[in-house]
Amino acid sequence: MRRYTVREHRYEYGSPMERLQELENKLEDGYLLEAPCKIGDTAYAVCEDLDVDGEFELYEYEVKGICLKKDGWCVLDDSGDLFEVLSEDALLDRKAAENLLLDRRMSV
C-alpha cells in the first residue's frame, strides 16, 4: 500500500477537505462500501451445536477475511469457515451475540 505525503496528497487530490467531500459523495452514491469490521477484529457467531440437536453455541473467532456477496457481507475465520453478517452488533459485540444466543435457545 502506497503512503502519500501531505504534499503529494494535495497535488493529487486538492485539499484534504476536497478529498473528504469526494469520499462522502462516493459513500452516499453507493460507490464506496464500508466493511462491517476489519481484519484481525474479534467477532462472534451463534452456531448450531453439531453434537446436540437443536442446541446453539457461541463461537468466538478472529476475522481473517471479509467478502461481499450479493445478499450481504461475510467474514472468514482462521479455519476457513464463512459466516454471514446478519447484524454488525451481533458480529462485533459479545453481549449482543450472547443475547442472540439466548433468543435462539428460547425459540427452540
PDB file of N, CA and C in Angstrom:
ATOM      1  N   MET A   1       0.839  -1.168   0.000  1.00  0.00           N
ATOM      2  CA  MET A   1       0.000   0.000   0.000  1.00  0.00           C
ATOM      3  C   MET A   1       0.892   1.242   0.000  1.00  0.00           C
ATOM      4  N   ARG A   2       0.626   2.146  -0.922  1.00  0.00           N
ATOM      5  CA  ARG A   2       1.443   3.346  -1.032  1.00  0.00           C
ATOM      6  C   ARG A   2       0.959   4.411  -0.057  1.00  0.00           C
ATOM      7  N   ARG A   3       1.880   5.044   0.626  1.00  0.00           N
ATOM      8  CA  ARG A   3       1.541   6.137   1.530  1.00  0.00           C
ATOM      9  C   ARG A   3       1.945   7.448   0.874  1.00  0.00           C
ATOM     10  N   TYR A   4       1.109   8.437   1.001  1.00  0.00           N
ATOM     11  CA  TYR A   4       1.353   9.740   0.406  1.00  0.00           C
ATOM     12  C   TYR A   4       1.774  10.743   1.463  1.00  0.00           C
ATOM     13  N   THR A   5       2.667  11.612   1.093  1.00  0.00           N
ATOM     14  CA  THR A   5       2.995  12.728   1.976  1.00  0.00           C
ATOM     15  C   THR A   5       1.920  13.792   1.788  1.00  0.00           C
ATOM     16  N   VAL A   6       1.890  14.756   2.678  1.00  0.00           N
ATOM     17  CA  VAL A   6       0.906  15.832   2.586  1.00  0.00           C
ATOM     18  C   VAL A   6       1.044  16.558   1.253  1.00  0.00           C
ATOM     19  N   ARG A   7       2.248  16.789   0.817  1.00  0.00           N
ATOM     20  CA  ARG A   7       2.475  17.498  -0.450  1.00  0.00           C
ATOM     21  C   ARG A   7       1.910  16.689  -1.621  1.00  0.00           C
ATOM     22  N   GLU A   8       2.180  15.380  -1.677  1.00  0.00           N
ATOM     23  CA  GLU A   8       1.648  14.542  -2.755  1.00  0.00           C
ATOM     24  C   GLU A   8       0.130  14.496  -2.705  1.00  0.00           C
ATOM     25  N   HIS A   9      -0.395  14.428  -1.509  1.00  0.00           N
ATOM     26  CA  HIS A   9      -1.838  14.350  -1.322  1.00  0.00           C
ATOM     27  C   HIS A   9      -2.513  15.597  -1.885  1.00  0.00           C
ATOM     28  N   ARG A  10      -1.971  16.749  -1.602  1.00  0.00           N
ATOM     29  CA  ARG A  10      -2.557  17.995  -2.104  1.00  0.00           C
ATOM     30  C   ARG A  10      -2.447  18.078  -3.615  1.00  0.00           C
ATOM     31  N   TYR A  11      -1.357  17.589  -4.164  1.00  0.00           N
ATOM     32  CA  TYR A  11      -1.170  17.639  -5.609  1.00  0.00           C
ATOM     33  C   TYR A  11      -2.163  16.718  -6.322  1.00  0.00           C
ATOM     34  N   GLU A  12      -2.352  15.509  -5.775  1.00  0.00           N
ATOM     35  CA  GLU A  12      -3.196  14.537  -6.448  1.00  0.00           C
ATOM     36  C   GLU A  12      -4.686  14.780  -6.213  1.00  0.00           C
ATOM     37  N   TYR A  13      -5.076  15.201  -5.029  1.00  0.00           N
ATOM     38  CA  TYR A  13      -6.493  15.300  -4.686  1.00  0.00           C
ATOM     39  C   TYR A  13      -6.978  16.717  -4.401  1.00  0.00           C
ATOM     40  N   GLY A  14      -6.138  17.702  -4.393  1.00  0.00           N
ATOM     41  CA  GLY A  14      -6.557  19.017  -3.943  1.00  0.00           C
ATOM     42  C   GLY A  14      -6.402  19.072  -2.441  1.00  0.00           C
ATOM     43  N   SER A  15      -7.262  19.818  -1.786  1.00  0.00           N
ATOM     44  CA  SER A  15      -7.160  19.949  -0.329  1.00  0.00           C
ATOM     45  C   SER A  15      -7.715  18.693   0.352  1.00  0.00           C
ATOM     46  N   PRO A  16      -7.318  18.465   1.601  1.00  0.00           N
ATOM     47  CA  PRO A  16      -7.891  17.325   2.338  1.00  0.00           C
ATOM     48  C   PRO A  16      -9.418  17.416   2.460  1.00  0.00           C
ATOM     49  N   MET A  17      -9.956  18.618   2.570  1.00  0.00           N
ATOM     50  CA  MET A  17     -11.417  18.777   2.642  1.00  0.00           C
ATOM     51  C   MET A  17     -12.080  18.357   1.328  1.00  0.00           C
ATOM     52  N   GLU A  18     -11.434  18.651   0.195  1.00  0.00           N
ATOM     53  CA  GLU A  18     -11.973  18.221  -1.091  1.00  0.00           C
ATOM     54  C   GLU A  18     -11.980  16.695  -1.186  1.00  0.00           C
ATOM     55  N   ARG A  19     -10.931  16.062  -0.679  1.00  0.00           N
ATOM     56  CA  ARG A  19     -10.849  14.603  -0.690  1.00  0.00           C
ATOM     57  C   ARG A  19     -11.936  13.992   0.197  1.00  0.00           C
ATOM     58  N   LEU A  20     -12.146  14.569   1.375  1.00  0.00           N
ATOM     59  CA  LEU A  20     -13.206  14.082   2.259  1.00  0.00           C
ATOM     60  C   LEU A  20     -14.573  14.222   1.591  1.00  0.00           C
ATOM     61  N   GLN A  21     -14.786  15.339   0.910  1.00  0.00           N
ATOM     62  CA  GLN A  21     -16.053  15.546   0.216  1.00  0.00           C
ATOM     63  C   GLN A  21     -16.241  14.514  -0.894  1.00  0.00           C
ATOM     64  N   GLU A  22     -15.161  14.223  -1.625  1.00  0.00           N
ATOM     65  CA  GLU A  22     -15.218  13.220  -2.686  1.00  0.00           C
ATOM     66  C   GLU A  22     -15.578  11.847  -2.117  1.00  0.00           C
ATOM     67  N   LEU A  23     -14.941  11.472  -1.017  1.00  0.00           N
ATOM     68  CA  LEU A  23     -15.240  10.177  -0.397  1.00  0.00           C
ATOM     69  C   LEU A  23     -16.663  10.139   0.144  1.00  0.00           C
ATOM     70  N   GLU A  24     -17.127  11.224   0.734  1.00  0.00           N
ATOM     71  CA  GLU A  24     -18.501  11.279   1.244  1.00  0.00           C
ATOM     72  C   GLU A  24     -19.503  11.131   0.102  1.00  0.00           C
ATOM     73  N   ASN A  25     -19.241  11.780  -1.022  1.00  0.00           N
ATOM     74  CA  ASN A  25     -20.128  11.658  -2.183  1.00  0.00           C
ATOM     75  C   ASN A  25     -20.162  10.228  -2.698  1.00  0.00           C
ATOM     76  N   LYS A  26     -19.011   9.573  -2.754  1.00  0.00           N
ATOM     77  CA  LYS A  26     -18.963   8.179  -3.206  1.00  0.00           C
ATOM     78  C   LYS A  26     -19.733   7.270  -2.260  1.00  0.00           C
ATOM     79  N   LEU A  27     -19.620   7.512  -0.956  1.00  0.00           N
ATOM     80  CA  LEU A  27     -20.349   6.718   0.032  1.00  0.00           C
ATOM     81  C   LEU A  27     -21.854   6.909  -0.143  1.00  0.00           C
ATOM     82  N   GLU A  28     -22.289   8.161  -0.303  1.00  0.00           N
ATOM     83  CA  GLU A  28     -23.717   8.447  -0.479  1.00  0.00           C
ATOM     84  C   GLU A  28     -24.266   7.866  -1.777  1.00  0.00           C
ATOM     85  N   ASP A  29     -23.450   7.868  -2.840  1.00  0.00           N
ATOM     86  CA  ASP A  29     -23.897   7.370  -4.140  1.00  0.00           C
ATOM     87  C   ASP A  29     -23.793   5.856  -4.277  1.00  0.00           C
ATOM     88  N   GLY A  30     -23.211   5.189  -3.272  1.00  0.00           N
ATOM     89  CA  GLY A  30     -23.120   3.736  -3.300  1.00  0.00           C
ATOM     90  C   GLY A  30     -21.893   3.189  -4.002  1.00  0.00           C
ATOM     91  N   TYR A  31     -20.924   4.041  -4.318  1.00  0.00           N
ATOM     92  CA  TYR A  31     -19.698   3.578  -4.968  1.00  0.00           C
ATOM     93  C   TYR A  31     -18.610   3.192  -3.982  1.00  0.00           C
ATOM     94  N   LEU A  32     -18.797   3.553  -2.740  1.00  0.00           N
ATOM     95  CA  LEU A  32     -17.814   3.255  -1.706  1.00  0.00           C
ATOM     96  C   LEU A  32     -18.527   2.483  -0.600  1.00  0.00           C
ATOM     97  N   LEU A  33     -18.001   1.341  -0.239  1.00  0.00           N
ATOM     98  CA  LEU A  33     -18.617   0.493   0.781  1.00  0.00           C
ATOM     99  C   LEU A  33     -17.802   0.530   2.054  1.00  0.00           C
ATOM    100  N   GLU A  34     -18.497   0.468   3.170  1.00  0.00           N
ATOM    101  CA  GLU A  34     -17.837   0.432   4.463  1.00  0.00           C
ATOM    102  C   GLU A  34     -18.003  -0.969   5.045  1.00  0.00           C
ATOM    103  N   ALA A  35     -16.897  -1.656   5.211  1.00  0.00           N
ATOM    104  CA  ALA A  35     -16.936  -3.024   5.733  1.00  0.00           C
ATOM    105  C   ALA A  35     -17.421  -3.020   7.184  1.00  0.00           C
ATOM    106  N   PRO A  36     -18.070  -4.097   7.623  1.00  0.00           N
ATOM    107  CA  PRO A  36     -18.604  -4.153   8.983  1.00  0.00           C
ATOM    108  C   PRO A  36     -17.528  -4.314  10.054  1.00  0.00           C
ATOM    109  N   CYS A  37     -16.321  -4.680   9.659  1.00  0.00           N
ATOM    110  CA  CYS A  37     -15.231  -4.856  10.609  1.00  0.00           C
ATOM    111  C   CYS A  37     -13.924  -4.822   9.835  1.00  0.00           C
ATOM    112  N   LYS A  38     -12.822  -5.038  10.535  1.00  0.00           N
ATOM    113  CA  LYS A  38     -11.538  -5.090   9.849  1.00  0.00           C
ATOM    114  C   LYS A  38     -10.847  -6.418  10.151  1.00  0.00           C
ATOM    115  N   ILE A  39      -9.863  -6.745   9.339  1.00  0.00           N
ATOM    116  CA  ILE A  39      -9.091  -7.968   9.541  1.00  0.00           C
ATOM    117  C   ILE A  39      -8.418  -7.882  10.917  1.00  0.00           C
ATOM    118  N   GLY A  40      -8.523  -8.961  11.674  1.00  0.00           N
ATOM    119  CA  GLY A  40      -7.914  -9.009  12.992  1.00  0.00           C
ATOM    120  C   GLY A  40      -8.888  -8.729  14.125  1.00  0.00           C
ATOM    121  N   ASP A  41     -10.087  -8.206  13.813  1.00  0.00           N
ATOM    122  CA  ASP A  41     -11.095  -7.975  14.855  1.00  0.00           C
ATOM    123  C   ASP A  41     -11.556  -9.304  15.442  1.00  0.00           C
ATOM    124  N   THR A  42     -12.027  -9.257  16.663  1.00  0.00           N
ATOM    125  CA  THR A  42     -12.666 -10.417  17.274  1.00  0.00           C
ATOM    126  C   THR A  42     -14.143 -10.342  16.945  1.00  0.00           C
ATOM    127  N   ALA A  43     -14.691 -11.431  16.457  1.00  0.00           N
ATOM    128  CA  ALA A  43     -16.098 -11.475  16.088  1.00  0.00           C
ATOM    129  C   ALA A  43     -16.747 -12.698  16.718  1.00  0.00           C
ATOM    130  N   TYR A  44     -18.058 -12.720  16.696  1.00  0.00           N
ATOM    131  CA  TYR A  44     -18.825 -13.789  17.335  1.00  0.00           C
ATOM    132  C   TYR A  44     -19.894 -14.290  16.376  1.00  0.00           C
ATOM    133  N   ALA A  45     -20.179 -15.562  16.453  1.00  0.00           N
ATOM    134  CA  ALA A  45     -21.239 -16.168  15.648  1.00  0.00           C
ATOM    135  C   ALA A  45     -22.039 -17.095  16.550  1.00  0.00           C
ATOM    136  N   VAL A  46     -23.332 -17.144  16.325  1.00  0.00           N
ATOM    137  CA  VAL A  46     -24.194 -18.096  17.015  1.00  0.00           C
ATOM    138  C   VAL A  46     -24.414 -19.252  16.052  1.00  0.00           C
ATOM    139  N   CYS A  47     -23.907 -20.420  16.417  1.00  0.00           N
ATOM    140  CA  CYS A  47     -23.928 -21.593  15.536  1.00  0.00           C
ATOM    141  C   CYS A  47     -24.716 -22.726  16.174  1.00  0.00           C
ATOM    142  N   GLU A  48     -25.285 -23.554  15.318  1.00  0.00           N
ATOM    143  CA  GLU A  48     -25.966 -24.736  15.818  1.00  0.00           C
ATOM    144  C   GLU A  48     -24.927 -25.748  16.271  1.00  0.00           C
ATOM    145  N   ASP A  49     -25.118 -26.294  17.458  1.00  0.00           N
ATOM    146  CA  ASP A  49     -24.202 -27.293  18.010  1.00  0.00           C
ATOM    147  C   ASP A  49     -24.421 -28.611  17.272  1.00  0.00           C
ATOM    148  N   LEU A  50     -23.377 -29.103  16.640  1.00  0.00           N
ATOM    149  CA  LEU A  50     -23.500 -30.332  15.854  1.00  0.00           C
ATOM    150  C   LEU A  50     -23.622 -31.573  16.729  1.00  0.00           C
ATOM    151  N   ASP A  51     -23.181 -31.476  17.990  1.00  0.00           N
ATOM    152  CA  ASP A  51     -23.256 -32.629  18.891  1.00  0.00           C
ATOM    153  C   ASP A  51     -24.644 -32.788  19.505  1.00  0.00           C
ATOM    154  N   VAL A  52     -25.343 -31.672  19.701  1.00  0.00           N
ATOM    155  CA  VAL A  52     -26.663 -31.710  20.350  1.00  0.00           C
ATOM    156  C   VAL A  52     -27.676 -31.115  19.384  1.00  0.00           C
ATOM    157  N   ASP A  53     -28.646 -31.900  18.977  1.00  0.00           N
ATOM    158  CA  ASP A  53     -29.643 -31.452  18.005  1.00  0.00           C
ATOM    159  C   ASP A  53     -30.495 -30.318  18.577  1.00  0.00           C
ATOM    160  N   GLY A  54     -30.614 -29.219  17.831  1.00  0.00           N
ATOM    161  CA  GLY A  54     -31.448 -28.103  18.255  1.00  0.00           C
ATOM    162  C   GLY A  54     -30.810 -27.185  19.271  1.00  0.00           C
ATOM    163  N   GLU A  55     -29.553 -27.407  19.607  1.00  0.00           N
ATOM    164  CA  GLU A  55     -28.855 -26.571  20.589  1.00  0.00           C
ATOM    165  C   GLU A  55     -27.912 -25.620  19.853  1.00  0.00           C
ATOM    166  N   PHE A  56     -27.734 -24.429  20.415  1.00  0.00           N
ATOM    167  CA  PHE A  56     -26.865 -23.421  19.805  1.00  0.00           C
ATOM    168  C   PHE A  56     -25.721 -23.090  20.748  1.00  0.00           C
ATOM    169  N   GLU A  57     -24.606 -22.621  20.162  1.00  0.00           N
ATOM    170  CA  GLU A  57     -23.452 -22.228  20.955  1.00  0.00           C
ATOM    171  C   GLU A  57     -22.869 -20.936  20.395  1.00  0.00           C
ATOM    172  N   LEU A  58     -22.120 -20.248  21.225  1.00  0.00           N
ATOM    173  CA  LEU A  58     -21.464 -19.011  20.827  1.00  0.00           C
ATOM    174  C   LEU A  58     -20.044 -19.333  20.390  1.00  0.00           C
ATOM    175  N   TYR A  59     -19.669 -18.861  19.218  1.00  0.00           N
ATOM    176  CA  TYR A  59     -18.359 -19.130  18.643  1.00  0.00           C
ATOM    177  C   TYR A  59     -17.621 -17.810  18.508  1.00  0.00           C
ATOM    178  N   GLU A  60     -16.457 -17.705  19.137  1.00  0.00           N
ATOM    179  CA  GLU A  60     -15.621 -16.506  19.069  1.00  0.00           C
ATOM    180  C   GLU A  60     -14.447 -16.781  18.138  1.00  0.00           C
ATOM    181  N   TYR A  61     -14.152 -15.842  17.239  1.00  0.00           N
ATOM    182  CA  TYR A  61     -13.069 -16.063  16.295  1.00  0.00           C
ATOM    183  C   TYR A  61     -12.434 -14.742  15.868  1.00  0.00           C
ATOM    184  N   GLU A  62     -11.250 -14.845  15.286  1.00  0.00           N
ATOM    185  CA  GLU A  62     -10.562 -13.684  14.738  1.00  0.00           C
ATOM    186  C   GLU A  62     -10.887 -13.591  13.248  1.00  0.00           C
ATOM    187  N   VAL A  63     -11.252 -12.402  12.797  1.00  0.00           N
ATOM    188  CA  VAL A  63     -11.595 -12.194  11.389  1.00  0.00           C
ATOM    189  C   VAL A  63     -10.324 -12.255  10.547  1.00  0.00           C
ATOM    190  N   LYS A  64     -10.295 -13.182   9.596  1.00  0.00           N
ATOM    191  CA  LYS A  64      -9.140 -13.352   8.707  1.00  0.00           C
ATOM    192  C   LYS A  64      -9.407 -12.822   7.302  1.00  0.00           C
ATOM    193  N   GLY A  65     -10.680 -12.622   6.958  1.00  0.00           N
ATOM    194  CA  GLY A  65     -11.032 -12.112   5.638  1.00  0.00           C
ATOM    195  C   GLY A  65     -12.450 -11.588   5.628  1.00  0.00           C
ATOM    196  N   ILE A  66     -12.734 -10.709   4.682  1.00  0.00           N
ATOM    197  CA  ILE A  66     -14.059 -10.114   4.538  1.00  0.00           C
ATOM    198  C   ILE A  66     -14.433 -10.181   3.068  1.00  0.00           C
ATOM    199  N   CYS A  67     -15.652 -10.592   2.771  1.00  0.00           N
ATOM    200  CA  CYS A  67     -16.099 -10.607   1.386  1.00  0.00           C
ATOM    201  C   CYS A  67     -17.525 -10.084   1.306  1.00  0.00           C
ATOM    202  N   LEU A  68     -17.875  -9.595   0.140  1.00  0.00           N
ATOM    203  CA  LEU A  68     -19.216  -9.084  -0.100  1.00  0.00           C
ATOM    204  C   LEU A  68     -19.897  -9.988  -1.108  1.00  0.00           C
ATOM    205  N   LYS A  69     -21.015 -10.568  -0.684  1.00  0.00           N
ATOM    206  CA  LYS A  69     -21.807 -11.406  -1.573  1.00  0.00           C
ATOM    207  C   LYS A  69     -23.026 -10.607  -2.019  1.00  0.00           C
ATOM    208  N   LYS A  70     -23.793 -11.161  -2.901  1.00  0.00           N
ATOM    209  CA  LYS A  70     -24.974 -10.479  -3.426  1.00  0.00           C
ATOM    210  C   LYS A  70     -25.948 -10.094  -2.311  1.00  0.00           C
ATOM    211  N   ASP A  71     -26.074 -10.949  -1.304  1.00  0.00           N
ATOM    212  CA  ASP A  71     -27.053 -10.710  -0.241  1.00  0.00           C
ATOM    213  C   ASP A  71     -26.436 -10.172   1.046  1.00  0.00           C
ATOM    214  N   GLY A  72     -25.180  -9.746   1.028  1.00  0.00           N
ATOM    215  CA  GLY A  72     -24.595  -9.132   2.219  1.00  0.00           C
ATOM    216  C   GLY A  72     -23.150  -9.535   2.473  1.00  0.00           C
ATOM    217  N   TRP A  73     -22.644  -9.070   3.596  1.00  0.00           N
ATOM    218  CA  TRP A  73     -21.249  -9.301   3.985  1.00  0.00           C
ATOM    219  C   TRP A  73     -21.058 -10.688   4.572  1.00  0.00           C
ATOM    220  N   CYS A  74     -19.865 -11.236   4.369  1.00  0.00           N
ATOM    221  CA  CYS A  74     -19.435 -12.477   5.016  1.00  0.00           C
ATOM    222  C   CYS A  74     -18.045 -12.242   5.580  1.00  0.00           C
ATOM    223  N   VAL A  75     -17.736 -12.924   6.665  1.00  0.00           N
ATOM    224  CA  VAL A  75     -16.387 -12.859   7.229  1.00  0.00           C
ATOM    225  C   VAL A  75     -15.823 -14.264   7.298  1.00  0.00           C
ATOM    226  N   LEU A  76     -14.525 -14.349   7.162  1.00  0.00           N
ATOM    227  CA  LEU A  76     -13.806 -15.616   7.146  1.00  0.00           C
ATOM    228  C   LEU A  76     -13.042 -15.764   8.448  1.00  0.00           C
ATOM    229  N   ASP A  77     -13.183 -16.926   9.101  1.00  0.00           N
ATOM    230  CA  ASP A  77     -12.419 -17.155  10.330  1.00  0.00           C
ATOM    231  C   ASP A  77     -11.111 -17.870  10.006  1.00  0.00           C
ATOM    232  N   ASP A  78     -10.316 -18.154  11.038  1.00  0.00           N
ATOM    233  CA  ASP A  78      -8.995 -18.747  10.817  1.00  0.00           C
ATOM    234  C   ASP A  78      -9.046 -20.195  10.353  1.00  0.00           C
ATOM    235  N   SER A  79     -10.176 -20.860  10.468  1.00  0.00           N
ATOM    236  CA  SER A  79     -10.268 -22.241   9.972  1.00  0.00           C
ATOM    237  C   SER A  79     -10.822 -22.302   8.548  1.00  0.00           C
ATOM    238  N   GLY A  80     -11.133 -21.139   7.977  1.00  0.00           N
ATOM    239  CA  GLY A  80     -11.632 -21.104   6.609  1.00  0.00           C
ATOM    240  C   GLY A  80     -13.140 -21.106   6.488  1.00  0.00           C
ATOM    241  N   ASP A  81     -13.865 -21.066   7.613  1.00  0.00           N
ATOM    242  CA  ASP A  81     -15.323 -21.036   7.574  1.00  0.00           C
ATOM    243  C   ASP A  81     -15.815 -19.620   7.293  1.00  0.00           C
ATOM    244  N   LEU A  82     -16.879 -19.513   6.488  1.00  0.00           N
ATOM    245  CA  LEU A  82     -17.507 -18.226   6.193  1.00  0.00           C
ATOM    246  C   LEU A  82     -18.736 -18.052   7.061  1.00  0.00           C
ATOM    247  N   PHE A  83     -18.903 -16.862   7.616  1.00  0.00           N
ATOM    248  CA  PHE A  83     -20.079 -16.541   8.408  1.00  0.00           C
ATOM    249  C   PHE A  83     -20.766 -15.334   7.793  1.00  0.00           C
ATOM    250  N   GLU A  84     -22.077 -15.438   7.564  1.00  0.00           N
ATOM    251  CA  GLU A  84     -22.828 -14.294   7.065  1.00  0.00           C
ATOM    252  C   GLU A  84     -23.022 -13.303   8.200  1.00  0.00           C
ATOM    253  N   VAL A  85     -22.895 -12.041   7.874  1.00  0.00           N
ATOM    254  CA  VAL A  85     -23.077 -10.994   8.873  1.00  0.00           C
ATOM    255  C   VAL A  85     -24.545 -10.590   8.853  1.00  0.00           C
ATOM    256  N   LEU A  86     -25.278 -11.020   9.873  1.00  0.00           N
ATOM    257  CA  LEU A  86     -26.689 -10.677   9.959  1.00  0.00           C
ATOM    258  C   LEU A  86     -26.879  -9.326  10.632  1.00  0.00           C
ATOM    259  N   SER A  87     -25.994  -9.016  11.567  1.00  0.00           N
ATOM    260  CA  SER A  87     -26.083  -7.772  12.311  1.00  0.00           C
ATOM    261  C   SER A  87     -24.685  -7.392  12.757  1.00  0.00           C
ATOM    262  N   GLU A  88     -24.315  -6.135  12.527  1.00  0.00           N
ATOM    263  CA  GLU A  88     -22.995  -5.695  12.958  1.00  0.00           C
ATOM    264  C   GLU A  88     -22.846  -5.809  14.469  1.00  0.00           C
ATOM    265  N   ASP A  89     -23.934  -5.559  15.205  1.00  0.00           N
ATOM    266  CA  ASP A  89     -23.867  -5.645  16.660  1.00  0.00           C
ATOM    267  C   ASP A  89     -23.566  -7.066  17.105  1.00  0.00           C
ATOM    268  N   ALA A  90     -24.245  -8.031  16.524  1.00  0.00           N
ATOM    269  CA  ALA A  90     -24.027  -9.425  16.905  1.00  0.00           C
ATOM    270  C   ALA A  90     -22.660  -9.900  16.458  1.00  0.00           C
ATOM    271  N   LEU A  91     -22.142  -9.293  15.419  1.00  0.00           N
ATOM    272  CA  LEU A  91     -20.841  -9.705  14.916  1.00  0.00           C
ATOM    273  C   LEU A  91     -19.706  -9.252  15.824  1.00  0.00           C
ATOM    274  N   LEU A  92     -19.743  -8.005  16.272  1.00  0.00           N
ATOM    275  CA  LEU A  92     -18.604  -7.432  16.977  1.00  0.00           C
ATOM    276  C   LEU A  92     -18.802  -7.253  18.477  1.00  0.00           C
ATOM    277  N   ASP A  93     -20.017  -7.379  18.943  1.00  0.00           N
ATOM    278  CA  ASP A  93     -20.315  -7.121  20.347  1.00  0.00           C
ATOM    279  C   ASP A  93     -20.689  -8.432  21.039  1.00  0.00           C
ATOM    280  N   ARG A  94     -19.876  -8.837  21.998  1.00  0.00           N
ATOM    281  CA  ARG A  94     -20.120 -10.118  22.670  1.00  0.00           C
ATOM    282  C   ARG A  94     -21.480 -10.139  23.369  1.00  0.00           C
ATOM    283  N   LYS A  95     -21.846  -9.039  24.011  1.00  0.00           N
ATOM    284  CA  LYS A  95     -23.124  -9.005  24.731  1.00  0.00           C
ATOM    285  C   LYS A  95     -24.309  -9.187  23.773  1.00  0.00           C
ATOM    286  N   ALA A  96     -24.255  -8.532  22.608  1.00  0.00           N
ATOM    287  CA  ALA A  96     -25.321  -8.693  21.618  1.00  0.00           C
ATOM    288  C   ALA A  96     -25.363 -10.129  21.098  1.00  0.00           C
ATOM    289  N   ALA A  97     -24.199 -10.731  20.908  1.00  0.00           N
ATOM    290  CA  ALA A  97     -24.140 -12.119  20.450  1.00  0.00           C
ATOM    291  C   ALA A  97     -24.714 -13.064  21.511  1.00  0.00           C
ATOM    292  N   GLU A  98     -24.424 -12.786  22.777  1.00  0.00           N
ATOM    293  CA  GLU A  98     -24.984 -13.612  23.857  1.00  0.00           C
ATOM    294  C   GLU A  98     -26.501 -13.474  23.910  1.00  0.00           C
ATOM    295  N   ASN A  99     -27.019 -12.261  23.694  1.00  0.00           N
ATOM    296  CA  ASN A  99     -28.469 -12.061  23.662  1.00  0.00           C
ATOM    297  C   ASN A  99     -29.099 -12.807  22.491  1.00  0.00           C
ATOM    298  N   LEU A 100     -28.446 -12.796  21.338  1.00  0.00           N
ATOM    299  CA  LEU A 100     -28.922 -13.540  20.188  1.00  0.00           C
ATOM    300  C   LEU A 100     -28.930 -15.041  20.480  1.00  0.00           C
ATOM    301  N   LEU A 101     -27.907 -15.521  21.176  1.00  0.00           N
ATOM    302  CA  LEU A 101     -27.828 -16.923  21.576  1.00  0.00           C
ATOM    303  C   LEU A 101     -29.007 -17.280  22.487  1.00  0.00           C
ATOM    304  N   LEU A 102     -29.295 -16.430  23.454  1.00  0.00           N
ATOM    305  CA  LEU A 102     -30.449 -16.691  24.349  1.00  0.00           C
ATOM    306  C   LEU A 102     -31.752 -16.720  23.576  1.00  0.00           C
ATOM    307  N   ASP A 103     -31.920 -15.789  22.623  1.00  0.00           N
ATOM    308  CA  ASP A 103     -33.135 -15.784  21.808  1.00  0.00           C
ATOM    309  C   ASP A 103     -33.273 -17.065  21.009  1.00  0.00           C
ATOM    310  N   ARG A 104     -32.187 -17.529  20.447  1.00  0.00           N
ATOM    311  CA  ARG A 104     -32.227 -18.767  19.653  1.00  0.00           C
ATOM    312  C   ARG A 104     -32.575 -19.968  20.533  1.00  0.00           C
ATOM    313  N   ARG A 105     -31.998 -19.993  21.725  1.00  0.00           N
ATOM    314  CA  ARG A 105     -32.261 -21.129  22.632  1.00  0.00           C
ATOM    315  C   ARG A 105     -33.708 -21.128  23.096  1.00  0.00           C
ATOM    316  N   MET A 106     -34.273 -19.958  23.313  1.00  0.00           N
ATOM    317  CA  MET A 106     -35.675 -19.880  23.782  1.00  0.00           C
ATOM    318  C   MET A 106     -36.668 -20.181  22.675  1.00  0.00           C
ATOM    319  N   SER A 107     -36.274 -19.963  21.415  1.00  0.00           N
ATOM    320  CA  SER A 107     -37.210 -20.204  20.315  1.00  0.00           C
ATOM    321  C   SER A 107     -37.281 -21.668  19.911  1.00  0.00           C
ATOM    322  N   VAL A 108     -36.385 -22.494  20.436  1.00  0.00           N
ATOM    323  CA  VAL A 108     -36.380 -23.925  20.080  1.00  0.00           C
ATOM    324  C   VAL A 108     -37.341 -24.690  20.951  1.00  0.00           C
TER     325      VAL A 108
END
